[in-house]
Amino acid sequence: MSSIFTIRSVTTLDEFAAIEELQRVVWGMDTDTELVPAHLLITVHHYGGVVLGAFTPENQMIGFVFGFAGIADDKRSVEMGSKIIHCSHMMGILPDYRGHSLGYALKCAQREAVLKQDTNLIVWTYDPLLQVNASLNIARLGGVCRTYFPNLYGELNETLNAGLPTDRFEVEWWIASRHVESHLDSIEKHRTLVEWRAVGAIPVNQTTPCTDSHRTPEGWEKVTSTALLVEIPVDFQSMRKDDLALAHDWRLHTREIFLWAFAEGYSVEGFVTEWAAQDRRAYYVLTSNVNFHILAGGHYED
């Protein structure tokens, strides 16, 4: 797939307008209320932001990512030794081109551009119940999370988010760290669910099947361990379409868990999906040993 697209900076008026159209398609926007307009993207580009597009050989834009410089809070400023971070605001890919590592390629290109600006931390938000996003952001890119925003954006008038609170994880992508490099280069074999259980990871929540496709949350416990496992749905978007009330239950169920865990000092470090017979399950791995000073310094020991 990588041979049929190239990634480069977006520079022309037509290309910035193409990002507007991609937003309408990707997020199912009925109006332009939630749209990031071309004129703002142009400003981001001209003043040091990173606006990248993925293009076919026919020069059709099929994906994009953009972000801009931001100021870190006091805690992260101390950890980093710098106040400047890169805020990755949006990435979108046309439906026909998903599942071919285009998102991964866009994030890697973004990383290279930000490293050239002498910035070591990229942050962005995503819905923690979307396992495809978790697989990319946590398992493949090596992002970590320790911040949870309940209903961050309020009600959004778009197909992908309508009807539910817009809870979000904040990803911290320490792009100069060995932790990230090992994920990108696949140097280290990441633990399976069985291996996490073998080293003492404890499940936090309980779920049971309620249909052929979905499970329902039954409860959770405040357990203590060096590693925790938090289950999420394997296809939250399908669940939202099939049973919005069930999706809402999952939102509130996991919100309680993550707010508690982050307050206790845990951070999301891993994400695993595995099959058990015909049943696919998805779990975040939360650990209590993530050293953010070490990440900021370019290293990380599991």
Protein backbone atom coordinates (compact mmCIF):
# COMPACT_ATOMS: atom_id res chain seq x y z
CA MET A 1 0.00 0.00 0.00
CA SER A 2 2.83 2.42 0.83
CA SER A 3 3.95 2.31 -2.82
CA ILE A 4 0.74 4.00 -3.99
CA PHE A 5 0.87 7.04 -1.74
CA THR A 6 3.36 9.72 -0.81
CA ILE A 7 3.34 12.00 2.21
CA ARG A 8 4.40 15.63 1.93
CA SER A 9 3.64 19.09 3.27
CA VAL A 10 0.37 20.67 2.20
CA THR A 11 1.14 24.01 0.56
CA THR A 12 -1.46 25.07 -2.04
CA LEU A 13 -4.91 26.59 -1.64
CA ASP A 14 -6.49 23.61 -3.40
CA GLU A 15 -4.76 21.20 -1.02
CA PHE A 16 -5.95 23.08 2.07
CA ALA A 17 -9.47 23.05 0.62
CA ALA A 18 -9.11 19.28 0.08
CA ILE A 19 -8.53 18.85 3.83
CA GLU A 20 -11.86 20.55 4.45
CA GLU A 21 -13.58 18.03 2.18
CA LEU A 22 -11.81 15.08 3.82
CA GLN A 23 -13.12 16.22 7.20
CA ARG A 24 -16.69 16.19 5.88
CA VAL A 25 -16.29 12.65 4.55
CA VAL A 26 -14.28 11.13 7.41
CA TRP A 27 -16.37 12.48 10.30
CA GLY A 28 -19.73 12.61 8.52
CA MET A 29 -20.18 16.31 9.18
CA ASP A 30 -23.65 17.50 8.20
CA THR A 31 -22.66 21.13 8.71
CA ASP A 32 -19.39 23.03 8.80
CA THR A 33 -19.75 23.93 12.47
CA GLU A 34 -17.11 21.42 13.58
CA LEU A 35 -14.89 21.91 10.52
CA VAL A 36 -11.33 23.22 10.78
CA PRO A 37 -11.37 25.73 7.90
CA ALA A 38 -8.72 26.09 5.21
CA HIS A 39 -7.78 29.60 6.30
CA LEU A 40 -6.85 28.35 9.76
CA LEU A 41 -4.83 25.47 8.28
CA ILE A 42 -2.98 27.96 6.10
CA THR A 43 -2.12 30.03 9.16
CA VAL A 44 -0.91 26.93 11.01
CA HIS A 45 1.31 26.06 8.04
CA HIS A 46 2.79 29.55 7.70
CA TYR A 47 3.67 29.91 11.39
CA GLY A 48 5.51 26.71 12.17
CA GLY A 49 2.76 24.13 12.37
CA VAL A 50 2.92 20.77 10.60
CA VAL A 51 0.29 20.10 7.92
CA LEU A 52 0.91 16.90 5.97
CA GLY A 53 -1.12 15.18 3.29
CA ALA A 54 -1.04 11.68 1.85
CA PHE A 55 -1.44 11.65 -1.94
CA THR A 56 -2.03 9.00 -4.62
CA PRO A 57 0.09 9.02 -7.81
CA GLU A 58 -2.79 10.97 -9.39
CA ASN A 59 -2.28 13.62 -6.69
CA GLN A 60 -5.57 12.87 -4.92
CA MET A 61 -5.38 13.60 -1.20
CA ILE A 62 -6.48 10.51 0.72
CA GLY A 63 -5.38 11.45 4.23
CA PHE A 64 -3.92 14.25 6.33
CA VAL A 65 -2.55 15.12 9.74
CA PHE A 66 -1.95 18.53 11.24
CA GLY A 67 -0.77 20.09 14.48
CA PHE A 68 0.82 23.15 16.01
CA ALA A 69 3.14 24.23 18.83
CA GLY A 70 1.71 24.50 22.32
CA ILE A 71 2.80 25.28 25.88
CA ALA A 72 3.16 22.45 28.38
CA ASP A 73 1.75 22.66 31.89
CA ASP A 74 4.17 23.10 34.79
CA LYS A 75 4.45 19.38 35.55
CA ARG A 76 5.43 18.39 32.05
CA SER A 77 7.68 21.43 31.67
CA VAL A 78 9.73 20.11 34.59
CA GLU A 79 9.77 16.60 33.13
CA MET A 80 10.83 17.83 29.71
CA GLY A 81 13.08 20.70 30.64
CA SER A 82 11.11 22.69 28.05
CA LYS A 83 7.71 24.30 27.73
CA ILE A 84 7.18 23.63 24.01
CA ILE A 85 5.11 20.66 22.92
CA HIS A 86 3.47 19.78 19.62
CA CYS A 87 -0.33 19.50 19.68
CA SER A 88 -1.53 17.08 17.01
CA HIS A 89 -5.10 18.22 16.48
CA MET A 90 -6.52 16.05 13.72
CA MET A 91 -5.77 13.08 11.47
CA GLY A 92 -8.20 11.76 8.89
CA ILE A 93 -8.10 9.03 6.23
CA LEU A 94 -10.66 8.26 3.54
CA PRO A 95 -12.59 5.03 4.32
CA ASP A 96 -11.32 3.16 1.23
CA TYR A 97 -7.70 3.65 2.34
CA ARG A 98 -7.99 2.53 5.96
CA GLY A 99 -6.39 -0.64 7.22
CA HIS A 100 -3.23 -0.24 5.14
CA SER A 101 -0.93 1.50 7.64
CA LEU A 102 -1.57 4.95 6.20
CA GLY A 103 -2.31 6.36 9.68
CA TYR A 104 0.95 4.89 10.93
CA ALA A 105 2.84 6.42 8.01
CA LEU A 106 1.28 9.85 8.59
CA LYS A 107 2.20 9.79 12.30
CA CYS A 108 5.78 8.73 11.51
CA ALA A 109 6.09 11.59 9.01
CA GLN A 110 4.70 13.96 11.63
CA ARG A 111 7.25 12.67 14.15
CA GLU A 112 10.14 13.34 11.77
CA ALA A 113 8.92 16.89 11.09
CA VAL A 114 8.51 17.67 14.81
CA LEU A 115 11.92 16.21 15.72
CA LYS A 116 13.47 18.67 13.25
CA GLN A 117 11.89 21.44 15.34
CA ASP A 118 13.74 20.18 18.45
CA THR A 119 10.49 19.19 20.15
CA ASN A 120 10.31 15.81 21.89
CA LEU A 121 6.66 15.51 22.91
CA ILE A 122 3.56 15.26 20.71
CA VAL A 123 0.14 15.14 22.38
CA TRP A 124 -3.31 14.45 21.01
CA THR A 125 -6.68 13.14 22.15
CA TYR A 126 -8.79 10.19 21.05
CA ASP A 127 -11.82 8.24 22.19
CA PRO A 128 -10.46 5.53 24.53
CA LEU A 129 -13.21 3.11 23.51
CA LEU A 130 -12.06 2.92 19.88
CA GLN A 131 -9.87 -0.17 19.76
CA VAL A 132 -8.50 0.60 16.27
CA ASN A 133 -7.21 3.94 17.53
CA ALA A 134 -5.84 2.33 20.67
CA SER A 135 -4.01 -0.29 18.62
CA LEU A 136 -2.32 2.45 16.60
CA ASN A 137 -1.70 5.04 19.31
CA ILE A 138 -0.60 2.74 22.13
CA ALA A 139 0.44 -0.64 20.74
CA ARG A 140 2.06 0.44 17.48
CA LEU A 141 3.30 4.00 18.06
CA GLY A 142 4.26 3.59 21.73
CA GLY A 143 2.10 6.39 23.11
CA VAL A 144 1.25 6.49 26.81
CA CYS A 145 -1.74 8.04 28.62
CA ARG A 146 -2.26 9.40 32.11
CA THR A 147 -4.95 12.06 31.50
CA TYR A 148 -8.68 11.54 30.98
CA PHE A 149 -11.03 14.31 29.84
CA PRO A 150 -14.76 13.64 30.46
CA ASN A 151 -16.94 15.08 27.66
CA LEU A 152 -14.05 17.21 26.39
CA TYR A 153 -15.76 18.65 23.30
CA GLY A 154 -19.38 18.47 24.43
CA GLU A 155 -21.98 17.37 21.89
CA LEU A 156 -20.56 17.17 18.35
CA ASN A 157 -22.76 17.37 15.25
CA GLU A 158 -21.07 14.60 13.31
CA THR A 159 -21.80 10.96 12.56
CA LEU A 160 -18.90 9.42 14.49
CA ASN A 161 -19.63 11.14 17.81
CA ALA A 162 -23.33 11.99 17.90
CA GLY A 163 -25.33 10.87 20.91
CA LEU A 164 -22.52 10.25 23.42
CA PRO A 165 -20.29 12.31 25.73
CA THR A 166 -16.98 13.04 24.01
CA ASP A 167 -14.66 11.53 26.63
CA ARG A 168 -11.03 11.47 25.55
CA PHE A 169 -7.63 10.10 26.45
CA GLU A 170 -4.68 12.42 26.05
CA VAL A 171 -1.82 10.58 24.34
CA GLU A 172 1.73 11.55 25.21
CA TRP A 173 4.07 10.50 22.42
CA TRP A 174 7.64 10.94 23.64
CA ILE A 175 9.09 10.81 20.15
CA ALA A 176 12.81 10.79 21.07
CA SER A 177 12.52 7.99 23.64
CA ARG A 178 13.78 4.44 23.25
CA HIS A 179 10.31 3.30 24.26
CA VAL A 180 8.86 4.87 21.09
CA GLU A 181 11.78 3.84 18.89
CA SER A 182 11.39 0.22 19.98
CA HIS A 183 7.73 0.28 19.01
CA LEU A 184 8.38 1.89 15.63
CA ASP A 185 11.26 -0.42 14.77
CA SER A 186 9.57 -3.50 16.28
CA ILE A 187 12.79 -4.18 18.16
CA GLU A 188 10.97 -5.59 21.15
CA LYS A 189 8.26 -8.23 21.10
CA HIS A 190 5.35 -6.81 23.05
CA ARG A 191 3.65 -8.95 25.66
CA THR A 192 0.49 -10.86 24.88
CA LEU A 193 -2.50 -10.94 27.21
CA VAL A 194 -1.39 -14.33 28.55
CA GLU A 195 2.09 -12.95 29.22
CA TRP A 196 0.71 -9.91 31.03
CA ARG A 197 -1.42 -12.20 33.21
CA ALA A 198 1.66 -14.34 33.91
CA VAL A 199 3.58 -11.36 35.30
CA GLY A 200 0.71 -10.39 37.61
CA ALA A 201 -1.58 -8.10 35.59
CA ILE A 202 -5.01 -8.08 37.25
CA PRO A 203 -8.33 -7.48 35.41
CA VAL A 204 -10.21 -4.49 36.84
CA ASN A 205 -13.62 -4.88 35.23
CA GLN A 206 -15.98 -7.75 34.53
CA THR A 207 -18.01 -8.19 31.33
CA THR A 208 -20.42 -10.74 29.90
CA PRO A 209 -21.72 -11.42 26.36
CA CYS A 210 -25.07 -9.79 25.62
CA THR A 211 -25.26 -10.44 21.85
CA ASP A 212 -23.19 -12.32 19.28
CA SER A 213 -21.15 -9.14 18.74
CA HIS A 214 -21.16 -7.21 22.01
CA ARG A 215 -20.44 -7.56 25.71
CA THR A 216 -21.94 -5.63 28.61
CA PRO A 217 -19.98 -4.21 31.57
CA GLU A 218 -20.97 -5.83 34.86
CA GLY A 219 -18.84 -3.98 37.40
CA TRP A 220 -15.29 -3.26 38.47
CA GLU A 221 -13.02 -3.36 41.51
CA LYS A 222 -10.33 -1.06 42.90
CA VAL A 223 -7.53 -3.60 42.76
CA THR A 224 -3.84 -2.99 43.43
CA SER A 225 -1.04 -4.39 41.30
CA THR A 226 1.96 -3.23 39.28
CA ALA A 227 -0.19 -3.84 36.18
CA LEU A 228 -3.93 -3.64 35.56
CA LEU A 229 -6.10 -4.80 32.66
CA VAL A 230 -9.13 -2.74 31.61
CA GLU A 231 -11.42 -4.30 29.01
CA ILE A 232 -13.14 -2.18 26.35
CA PRO A 233 -15.47 -3.12 23.47
CA VAL A 234 -13.82 -4.50 20.34
CA ASP A 235 -16.12 -2.51 18.02
CA PHE A 236 -17.52 0.50 19.82
CA GLN A 237 -18.74 2.24 16.66
CA SER A 238 -20.80 -0.80 15.70
CA MET A 239 -22.14 -0.99 19.26
CA ARG A 240 -23.11 2.68 19.15
CA LYS A 241 -25.18 2.04 16.01
CA ASP A 242 -26.72 -1.20 17.34
CA ASP A 243 -27.42 -0.15 20.94
CA LEU A 244 -26.71 3.45 21.94
CA ALA A 245 -27.78 2.79 25.54
CA LEU A 246 -25.21 0.01 25.86
CA ALA A 247 -22.54 2.27 24.37
CA HIS A 248 -23.46 4.93 26.93
CA ASP A 249 -23.12 2.36 29.73
CA TRP A 250 -19.61 1.51 28.51
CA ARG A 251 -18.72 5.21 28.40
CA LEU A 252 -19.65 5.79 32.05
CA HIS A 253 -18.26 2.43 33.19
CA THR A 254 -14.78 3.04 31.75
CA ARG A 255 -14.82 6.72 32.71
CA GLU A 256 -15.03 5.74 36.39
CA ILE A 257 -12.22 3.24 36.03
CA PHE A 258 -9.76 5.47 34.20
CA LEU A 259 -10.36 8.51 36.42
CA TRP A 260 -9.70 6.32 39.47
CA ALA A 261 -6.64 4.61 37.97
CA PHE A 262 -4.97 7.82 36.79
CA ALA A 263 -5.60 9.44 40.18
CA GLU A 264 -3.85 6.42 41.76
CA GLY A 265 -0.76 6.99 39.61
CA TYR A 266 -1.34 4.39 36.90
CA SER A 267 -0.67 5.13 33.23
CA VAL A 268 -1.77 3.37 30.06
CA GLU A 269 1.31 1.68 28.62
CA GLY A 270 -0.02 -1.13 26.46
CA PHE A 271 -2.98 -2.41 24.50
CA VAL A 272 -3.73 -6.01 23.51
CA THR A 273 -6.47 -7.71 21.52
CA GLU A 274 -6.75 -11.48 21.41
CA TRP A 275 -9.15 -14.24 20.45
CA ALA A 276 -10.52 -16.77 22.91
CA ALA A 277 -12.40 -19.39 20.87
CA GLN A 278 -14.75 -17.22 18.75
CA ASP A 279 -14.69 -14.33 21.19
CA ARG A 280 -12.38 -11.37 20.57
CA ARG A 281 -11.42 -9.30 23.61
CA ALA A 282 -9.56 -5.98 23.92
CA TYR A 283 -7.68 -4.67 26.96
CA TYR A 284 -5.66 -1.64 28.00
CA VAL A 285 -2.63 -2.37 30.15
CA LEU A 286 -2.07 0.17 32.93
CA THR A 287 1.18 0.16 34.89
CA SER A 288 2.50 2.06 37.86
CA ASN A 289 6.14 2.21 36.75
CA VAL A 290 6.15 4.65 33.82
CA ASN A 291 8.94 7.16 34.51
CA PHE A 292 8.16 10.29 32.53
CA HIS A 293 11.47 11.92 33.41
CA ILE A 294 13.19 8.99 31.70
CA LEU A 295 10.87 9.21 28.70
CA ALA A 296 11.65 12.91 28.33
CA GLY A 297 15.35 12.10 28.45
CA GLY A 298 15.07 9.71 25.54
CA HIS A 299 15.00 6.38 27.40
CA TYR A 300 12.48 4.07 28.97
CA GLU A 301 12.86 0.78 30.79
CA ASP A 302 9.93 -1.64 31.05
